[in-house]
N, C-alpha and C. Protein backbone atom coordinates (compact mmCIF):
# COMPACT_ATOMS: atom_id res chain seq x y z
N MET A 1 10.58 -25.86 -38.27
CA MET A 1 10.28 -24.45 -38.49
C MET A 1 9.27 -23.93 -37.48
N ARG A 2 8.26 -24.75 -37.16
CA ARG A 2 7.23 -24.30 -36.23
C ARG A 2 7.79 -24.02 -34.85
N ARG A 3 8.72 -24.87 -34.39
CA ARG A 3 9.32 -24.64 -33.07
C ARG A 3 10.04 -23.29 -33.07
N PHE A 4 10.69 -22.98 -34.17
CA PHE A 4 11.42 -21.73 -34.30
C PHE A 4 10.44 -20.55 -34.26
N ALA A 5 9.27 -20.71 -34.89
CA ALA A 5 8.27 -19.64 -34.93
C ALA A 5 7.77 -19.34 -33.52
N LYS A 6 7.57 -20.34 -32.70
CA LYS A 6 7.12 -20.11 -31.32
C LYS A 6 8.18 -19.37 -30.53
N ARG A 7 9.43 -19.72 -30.75
CA ARG A 7 10.54 -19.02 -30.11
C ARG A 7 10.54 -17.55 -30.50
N ARG A 8 10.38 -17.29 -31.77
CA ARG A 8 10.39 -15.91 -32.27
C ARG A 8 9.20 -15.12 -31.73
N CYS A 9 8.06 -15.76 -31.67
CA CYS A 9 6.87 -15.11 -31.12
C CYS A 9 7.10 -14.76 -29.65
N LEU A 10 7.62 -15.70 -28.90
CA LEU A 10 7.92 -15.48 -27.49
C LEU A 10 8.92 -14.34 -27.32
N GLN A 11 9.96 -14.33 -28.15
CA GLN A 11 10.96 -13.27 -28.07
C GLN A 11 10.34 -11.91 -28.40
N GLY A 12 9.49 -11.87 -29.40
CA GLY A 12 8.83 -10.63 -29.75
C GLY A 12 7.94 -10.11 -28.63
N MET A 13 7.25 -11.02 -27.96
CA MET A 13 6.39 -10.62 -26.85
C MET A 13 7.22 -10.08 -25.68
N ILE A 14 8.32 -10.74 -25.37
CA ILE A 14 9.18 -10.27 -24.27
C ILE A 14 9.72 -8.89 -24.60
N ARG A 15 10.15 -8.70 -25.83
CA ARG A 15 10.70 -7.40 -26.23
C ARG A 15 9.63 -6.31 -26.20
N ASP A 16 8.44 -6.64 -26.66
CA ASP A 16 7.36 -5.66 -26.71
C ASP A 16 6.81 -5.36 -25.31
N PHE A 17 6.42 -6.37 -24.58
CA PHE A 17 5.75 -6.16 -23.30
C PHE A 17 6.69 -5.69 -22.21
N TRP A 18 7.85 -6.34 -22.11
CA TRP A 18 8.78 -6.02 -21.03
C TRP A 18 9.84 -4.99 -21.44
N LYS A 19 9.88 -4.63 -22.72
CA LYS A 19 10.86 -3.65 -23.23
C LYS A 19 12.30 -4.12 -22.94
N ILE A 20 12.52 -5.41 -23.14
CA ILE A 20 13.84 -6.00 -22.92
C ILE A 20 14.33 -6.52 -24.27
N SER A 21 15.50 -6.10 -24.66
CA SER A 21 16.08 -6.56 -25.91
C SER A 21 17.56 -6.84 -25.69
N LYS A 22 17.90 -8.10 -25.80
CA LYS A 22 19.29 -8.52 -25.63
C LYS A 22 19.70 -9.34 -26.84
N ALA A 23 20.95 -9.65 -26.92
CA ALA A 23 21.47 -10.38 -28.08
C ALA A 23 20.93 -11.80 -28.17
N ARG A 24 20.68 -12.41 -27.01
CA ARG A 24 20.24 -13.81 -27.01
C ARG A 24 18.91 -13.94 -26.25
N LEU A 25 18.06 -14.84 -26.75
CA LEU A 25 16.77 -15.08 -26.10
C LEU A 25 16.95 -15.53 -24.65
N VAL A 26 17.93 -16.36 -24.40
CA VAL A 26 18.16 -16.83 -23.03
C VAL A 26 18.40 -15.67 -22.08
N ASP A 27 19.09 -14.63 -22.54
CA ASP A 27 19.35 -13.46 -21.70
C ASP A 27 18.08 -12.65 -21.48
N GLU A 28 17.23 -12.58 -22.49
CA GLU A 28 15.96 -11.87 -22.35
C GLU A 28 15.05 -12.60 -21.36
N ILE A 29 15.02 -13.91 -21.46
CA ILE A 29 14.21 -14.70 -20.53
C ILE A 29 14.75 -14.58 -19.12
N ASP A 30 16.05 -14.61 -18.96
CA ASP A 30 16.64 -14.42 -17.63
C ASP A 30 16.29 -13.05 -17.06
N ALA A 31 16.17 -12.05 -17.92
CA ALA A 31 15.88 -10.68 -17.47
C ALA A 31 14.46 -10.53 -16.93
N ILE A 32 13.55 -11.44 -17.29
CA ILE A 32 12.18 -11.33 -16.77
C ILE A 32 11.93 -12.31 -15.62
N LYS A 33 12.96 -13.01 -15.20
CA LYS A 33 12.77 -14.03 -14.16
C LYS A 33 12.15 -13.45 -12.90
N ASP A 34 12.53 -12.25 -12.52
CA ASP A 34 11.98 -11.64 -11.31
C ASP A 34 10.70 -10.84 -11.58
N LYS A 35 10.21 -10.88 -12.82
CA LYS A 35 9.02 -10.12 -13.18
C LYS A 35 7.79 -11.01 -13.36
N VAL A 36 8.00 -12.30 -13.49
CA VAL A 36 6.89 -13.25 -13.67
C VAL A 36 6.98 -14.33 -12.59
N ASP A 37 5.87 -15.04 -12.39
CA ASP A 37 5.90 -16.10 -11.39
C ASP A 37 6.78 -17.25 -11.86
N ALA A 38 7.21 -18.06 -10.92
CA ALA A 38 8.18 -19.13 -11.22
C ALA A 38 7.66 -20.13 -12.24
N GLU A 39 6.38 -20.47 -12.18
CA GLU A 39 5.82 -21.45 -13.12
C GLU A 39 5.81 -20.90 -14.54
N THR A 40 5.45 -19.63 -14.66
CA THR A 40 5.44 -19.01 -15.99
C THR A 40 6.85 -18.94 -16.55
N TRP A 41 7.79 -18.52 -15.72
CA TRP A 41 9.17 -18.41 -16.18
C TRP A 41 9.69 -19.78 -16.63
N ASP A 42 9.40 -20.81 -15.86
CA ASP A 42 9.87 -22.16 -16.19
C ASP A 42 9.29 -22.62 -17.53
N ALA A 43 8.01 -22.33 -17.76
CA ALA A 43 7.38 -22.71 -19.03
C ALA A 43 7.97 -21.92 -20.20
N ILE A 44 8.22 -20.63 -19.99
CA ILE A 44 8.84 -19.81 -21.04
C ILE A 44 10.22 -20.35 -21.38
N ASP A 45 11.00 -20.67 -20.36
CA ASP A 45 12.33 -21.22 -20.60
C ASP A 45 12.25 -22.58 -21.28
N ALA A 46 11.22 -23.36 -20.96
CA ALA A 46 11.03 -24.66 -21.61
C ALA A 46 10.77 -24.48 -23.10
N VAL A 47 9.97 -23.48 -23.48
CA VAL A 47 9.72 -23.21 -24.90
C VAL A 47 11.03 -22.84 -25.59
N ARG A 48 11.85 -22.05 -24.90
CA ARG A 48 13.15 -21.69 -25.47
C ARG A 48 13.97 -22.94 -25.72
N LYS A 49 14.03 -23.81 -24.73
CA LYS A 49 14.84 -25.02 -24.88
C LYS A 49 14.31 -25.95 -25.95
N ILE A 50 12.98 -26.07 -26.02
CA ILE A 50 12.39 -26.90 -27.08
C ILE A 50 12.69 -26.27 -28.44
N GLY A 51 12.57 -24.96 -28.52
CA GLY A 51 12.85 -24.25 -29.76
C GLY A 51 14.29 -24.30 -30.18
N ASN A 52 15.18 -24.50 -29.22
CA ASN A 52 16.60 -24.61 -29.54
C ASN A 52 16.87 -25.75 -30.50
N ILE A 53 16.04 -26.77 -30.47
CA ILE A 53 16.22 -27.91 -31.37
C ILE A 53 16.19 -27.43 -32.82
N GLY A 54 15.27 -26.51 -33.13
CA GLY A 54 15.18 -26.00 -34.50
C GLY A 54 16.11 -24.84 -34.77
N ALA A 55 16.33 -24.02 -33.74
CA ALA A 55 17.14 -22.81 -33.93
C ALA A 55 18.63 -23.10 -33.96
N HIS A 56 19.03 -24.09 -33.20
CA HIS A 56 20.45 -24.44 -33.11
C HIS A 56 20.58 -25.92 -33.43
N MET A 57 20.94 -26.20 -34.64
CA MET A 57 21.02 -27.60 -35.08
C MET A 57 22.03 -28.38 -34.24
N GLU A 58 21.69 -29.62 -34.00
CA GLU A 58 22.59 -30.50 -33.26
C GLU A 58 23.84 -30.77 -34.09
N LYS A 59 24.91 -31.15 -33.41
CA LYS A 59 26.14 -31.47 -34.13
C LYS A 59 25.92 -32.62 -35.10
N ASP A 60 25.12 -33.60 -34.66
CA ASP A 60 24.79 -34.73 -35.53
C ASP A 60 23.51 -34.36 -36.28
N ILE A 61 23.66 -34.00 -37.55
CA ILE A 61 22.50 -33.55 -38.32
C ILE A 61 21.50 -34.68 -38.58
N ASN A 62 21.86 -35.90 -38.26
CA ASN A 62 20.95 -37.02 -38.44
C ASN A 62 20.00 -37.18 -37.26
N VAL A 63 20.20 -36.40 -36.19
CA VAL A 63 19.32 -36.47 -35.03
C VAL A 63 18.11 -35.59 -35.31
N ILE A 64 16.95 -36.22 -35.32
CA ILE A 64 15.71 -35.50 -35.53
C ILE A 64 14.82 -35.75 -34.31
N VAL A 65 14.39 -34.68 -33.69
CA VAL A 65 13.52 -34.78 -32.52
C VAL A 65 12.16 -34.23 -32.92
N ASP A 66 11.18 -35.10 -32.99
CA ASP A 66 9.85 -34.68 -33.39
C ASP A 66 9.09 -34.07 -32.22
N VAL A 67 8.21 -33.17 -32.54
CA VAL A 67 7.25 -32.62 -31.59
C VAL A 67 5.88 -33.05 -32.09
N ASP A 68 5.15 -33.81 -31.26
CA ASP A 68 3.85 -34.29 -31.72
C ASP A 68 2.81 -33.17 -31.61
N PRO A 69 1.66 -33.34 -32.23
CA PRO A 69 0.64 -32.27 -32.25
C PRO A 69 0.21 -31.82 -30.85
N GLU A 70 0.11 -32.74 -29.91
CA GLU A 70 -0.29 -32.35 -28.55
C GLU A 70 0.77 -31.48 -27.89
N GLU A 71 2.04 -31.80 -28.13
CA GLU A 71 3.12 -30.97 -27.59
C GLU A 71 3.11 -29.59 -28.24
N ALA A 72 2.88 -29.55 -29.53
CA ALA A 72 2.81 -28.27 -30.24
C ALA A 72 1.67 -27.43 -29.69
N GLN A 73 0.54 -28.07 -29.40
CA GLN A 73 -0.61 -27.34 -28.85
C GLN A 73 -0.28 -26.77 -27.48
N LEU A 74 0.50 -27.49 -26.68
CA LEU A 74 0.93 -26.97 -25.38
C LEU A 74 1.77 -25.70 -25.56
N LEU A 75 2.65 -25.71 -26.53
CA LEU A 75 3.50 -24.55 -26.79
C LEU A 75 2.67 -23.36 -27.28
N ILE A 76 1.73 -23.62 -28.16
CA ILE A 76 0.84 -22.57 -28.64
C ILE A 76 -0.01 -22.05 -27.48
N GLY A 77 -0.45 -22.97 -26.63
CA GLY A 77 -1.25 -22.60 -25.47
C GLY A 77 -0.52 -21.63 -24.55
N LEU A 78 0.79 -21.81 -24.41
CA LEU A 78 1.57 -20.88 -23.58
C LEU A 78 1.54 -19.48 -24.20
N ILE A 79 1.72 -19.39 -25.49
CA ILE A 79 1.68 -18.10 -26.16
C ILE A 79 0.31 -17.45 -25.95
N GLU A 80 -0.75 -18.23 -26.09
CA GLU A 80 -2.10 -17.70 -25.88
C GLU A 80 -2.30 -17.25 -24.43
N LEU A 81 -1.78 -18.02 -23.48
CA LEU A 81 -1.87 -17.67 -22.07
C LEU A 81 -1.15 -16.35 -21.78
N LEU A 82 0.04 -16.19 -22.35
CA LEU A 82 0.80 -14.96 -22.15
C LEU A 82 0.10 -13.77 -22.77
N ILE A 83 -0.54 -13.95 -23.91
CA ILE A 83 -1.31 -12.87 -24.52
C ILE A 83 -2.42 -12.44 -23.57
N LYS A 84 -3.13 -13.41 -23.00
CA LYS A 84 -4.19 -13.07 -22.04
C LYS A 84 -3.62 -12.40 -20.80
N ASP A 85 -2.58 -12.98 -20.22
CA ASP A 85 -2.02 -12.46 -18.97
C ASP A 85 -1.33 -11.12 -19.15
N TRP A 86 -0.59 -10.96 -20.22
CA TRP A 86 0.19 -9.75 -20.39
C TRP A 86 -0.58 -8.64 -21.08
N TYR A 87 -1.26 -8.94 -22.15
CA TYR A 87 -1.89 -7.88 -22.95
C TYR A 87 -3.36 -7.66 -22.59
N ILE A 88 -4.15 -8.70 -22.63
CA ILE A 88 -5.58 -8.54 -22.38
C ILE A 88 -5.84 -8.10 -20.94
N ALA A 89 -5.21 -8.77 -19.98
CA ALA A 89 -5.41 -8.40 -18.57
C ALA A 89 -4.94 -6.97 -18.31
N ARG A 90 -3.82 -6.57 -18.90
CA ARG A 90 -3.35 -5.20 -18.72
C ARG A 90 -4.35 -4.20 -19.28
N HIS A 91 -4.88 -4.49 -20.47
CA HIS A 91 -5.87 -3.60 -21.08
C HIS A 91 -7.13 -3.51 -20.22
N GLN A 92 -7.63 -4.65 -19.75
CA GLN A 92 -8.83 -4.65 -18.91
C GLN A 92 -8.58 -3.89 -17.61
N ARG A 93 -7.42 -4.06 -17.03
CA ARG A 93 -7.07 -3.35 -15.80
C ARG A 93 -7.05 -1.84 -16.06
N GLN A 94 -6.42 -1.43 -17.15
CA GLN A 94 -6.36 -0.01 -17.49
C GLN A 94 -7.77 0.57 -17.68
N GLN A 95 -8.62 -0.17 -18.38
CA GLN A 95 -9.98 0.29 -18.61
C GLN A 95 -10.76 0.40 -17.30
N HIS A 96 -10.59 -0.57 -16.43
CA HIS A 96 -11.27 -0.56 -15.14
C HIS A 96 -10.82 0.63 -14.30
N LEU A 97 -9.53 0.84 -14.22
CA LEU A 97 -9.01 1.97 -13.43
C LEU A 97 -9.43 3.30 -14.02
N LYS A 98 -9.44 3.39 -15.35
CA LYS A 98 -9.87 4.62 -16.02
C LYS A 98 -11.34 4.90 -15.70
N ALA A 99 -12.17 3.86 -15.66
CA ALA A 99 -13.58 4.03 -15.35
C ALA A 99 -13.77 4.54 -13.92
N ILE A 100 -12.98 4.06 -12.99
CA ILE A 100 -13.06 4.53 -11.60
C ILE A 100 -12.72 6.01 -11.52
N VAL A 101 -11.65 6.41 -12.20
CA VAL A 101 -11.25 7.82 -12.20
C VAL A 101 -12.33 8.68 -12.86
N GLN A 102 -12.94 8.17 -13.91
CA GLN A 102 -14.01 8.91 -14.59
C GLN A 102 -15.21 9.11 -13.66
N VAL A 103 -15.58 8.09 -12.89
CA VAL A 103 -16.67 8.22 -11.93
C VAL A 103 -16.33 9.29 -10.90
N ARG A 104 -15.10 9.25 -10.41
CA ARG A 104 -14.66 10.27 -9.45
C ARG A 104 -14.79 11.67 -10.04
N ASP A 105 -14.32 11.83 -11.27
CA ASP A 105 -14.38 13.14 -11.92
C ASP A 105 -15.82 13.61 -12.09
N GLU A 106 -16.71 12.68 -12.46
CA GLU A 106 -18.12 13.03 -12.62
C GLU A 106 -18.73 13.44 -11.28
N LYS A 107 -18.39 12.71 -10.22
CA LYS A 107 -18.90 13.04 -8.88
C LYS A 107 -18.37 14.40 -8.42
N ASP A 108 -17.09 14.65 -8.68
CA ASP A 108 -16.51 15.95 -8.32
C ASP A 108 -17.21 17.08 -9.08
N ALA A 109 -17.47 16.86 -10.36
CA ALA A 109 -18.14 17.87 -11.17
C ALA A 109 -19.56 18.10 -10.68
N ALA A 110 -20.25 17.02 -10.33
CA ALA A 110 -21.62 17.13 -9.83
C ALA A 110 -21.62 17.88 -8.49
N LYS A 111 -20.67 17.58 -7.64
CA LYS A 111 -20.57 18.24 -6.35
C LYS A 111 -20.28 19.72 -6.53
N SER A 112 -19.36 20.04 -7.44
CA SER A 112 -19.02 21.44 -7.71
C SER A 112 -20.21 22.18 -8.29
N GLY A 113 -20.94 21.54 -9.20
CA GLY A 113 -22.12 22.16 -9.80
C GLY A 113 -23.22 22.39 -8.78
N SER A 114 -23.37 21.46 -7.87
CA SER A 114 -24.39 21.58 -6.83
C SER A 114 -24.03 22.70 -5.87
N ALA A 115 -22.76 22.84 -5.55
CA ALA A 115 -22.31 23.90 -4.64
C ALA A 115 -22.49 25.27 -5.29
N LYS A 116 -22.25 25.37 -6.59
CA LYS A 116 -22.41 26.65 -7.30
C LYS A 116 -23.87 27.07 -7.38
N SER A 117 -24.76 26.09 -7.58
CA SER A 117 -26.17 26.42 -7.71
C SER A 117 -26.78 26.86 -6.39
N ARG A 118 -26.19 26.50 -5.26
CA ARG A 118 -26.67 26.92 -3.95
C ARG A 118 -26.23 28.34 -3.61
N GLN A 119 -25.26 28.86 -4.31
CA GLN A 119 -24.73 30.19 -3.98
C GLN A 119 -25.56 31.28 -4.52
């Protein structure tokens, strides 16, 4: 179940951040291949493949593939990394750029006010 949850979380993030919604997760991941670096894409696809074990049962239902706690932490770590890279970094960038524009506006206002007071 946990592997499936990571898949679903990843799919939700791709749909939310990249605004991509397709019938299959593999198609959504393929759609972002040119939008992320190769290492990130490969790790995202790896989570999909690992999650396939839970999402798509093997033909032989007696085959059980365990994921140990360290492997699970790696998968969770990818989700955390994507949250930082996609959401937090974007927010910080927006705030930084907004602050620059605000400084410009304040300087323009100060310049305009100074020019008016000299007249």
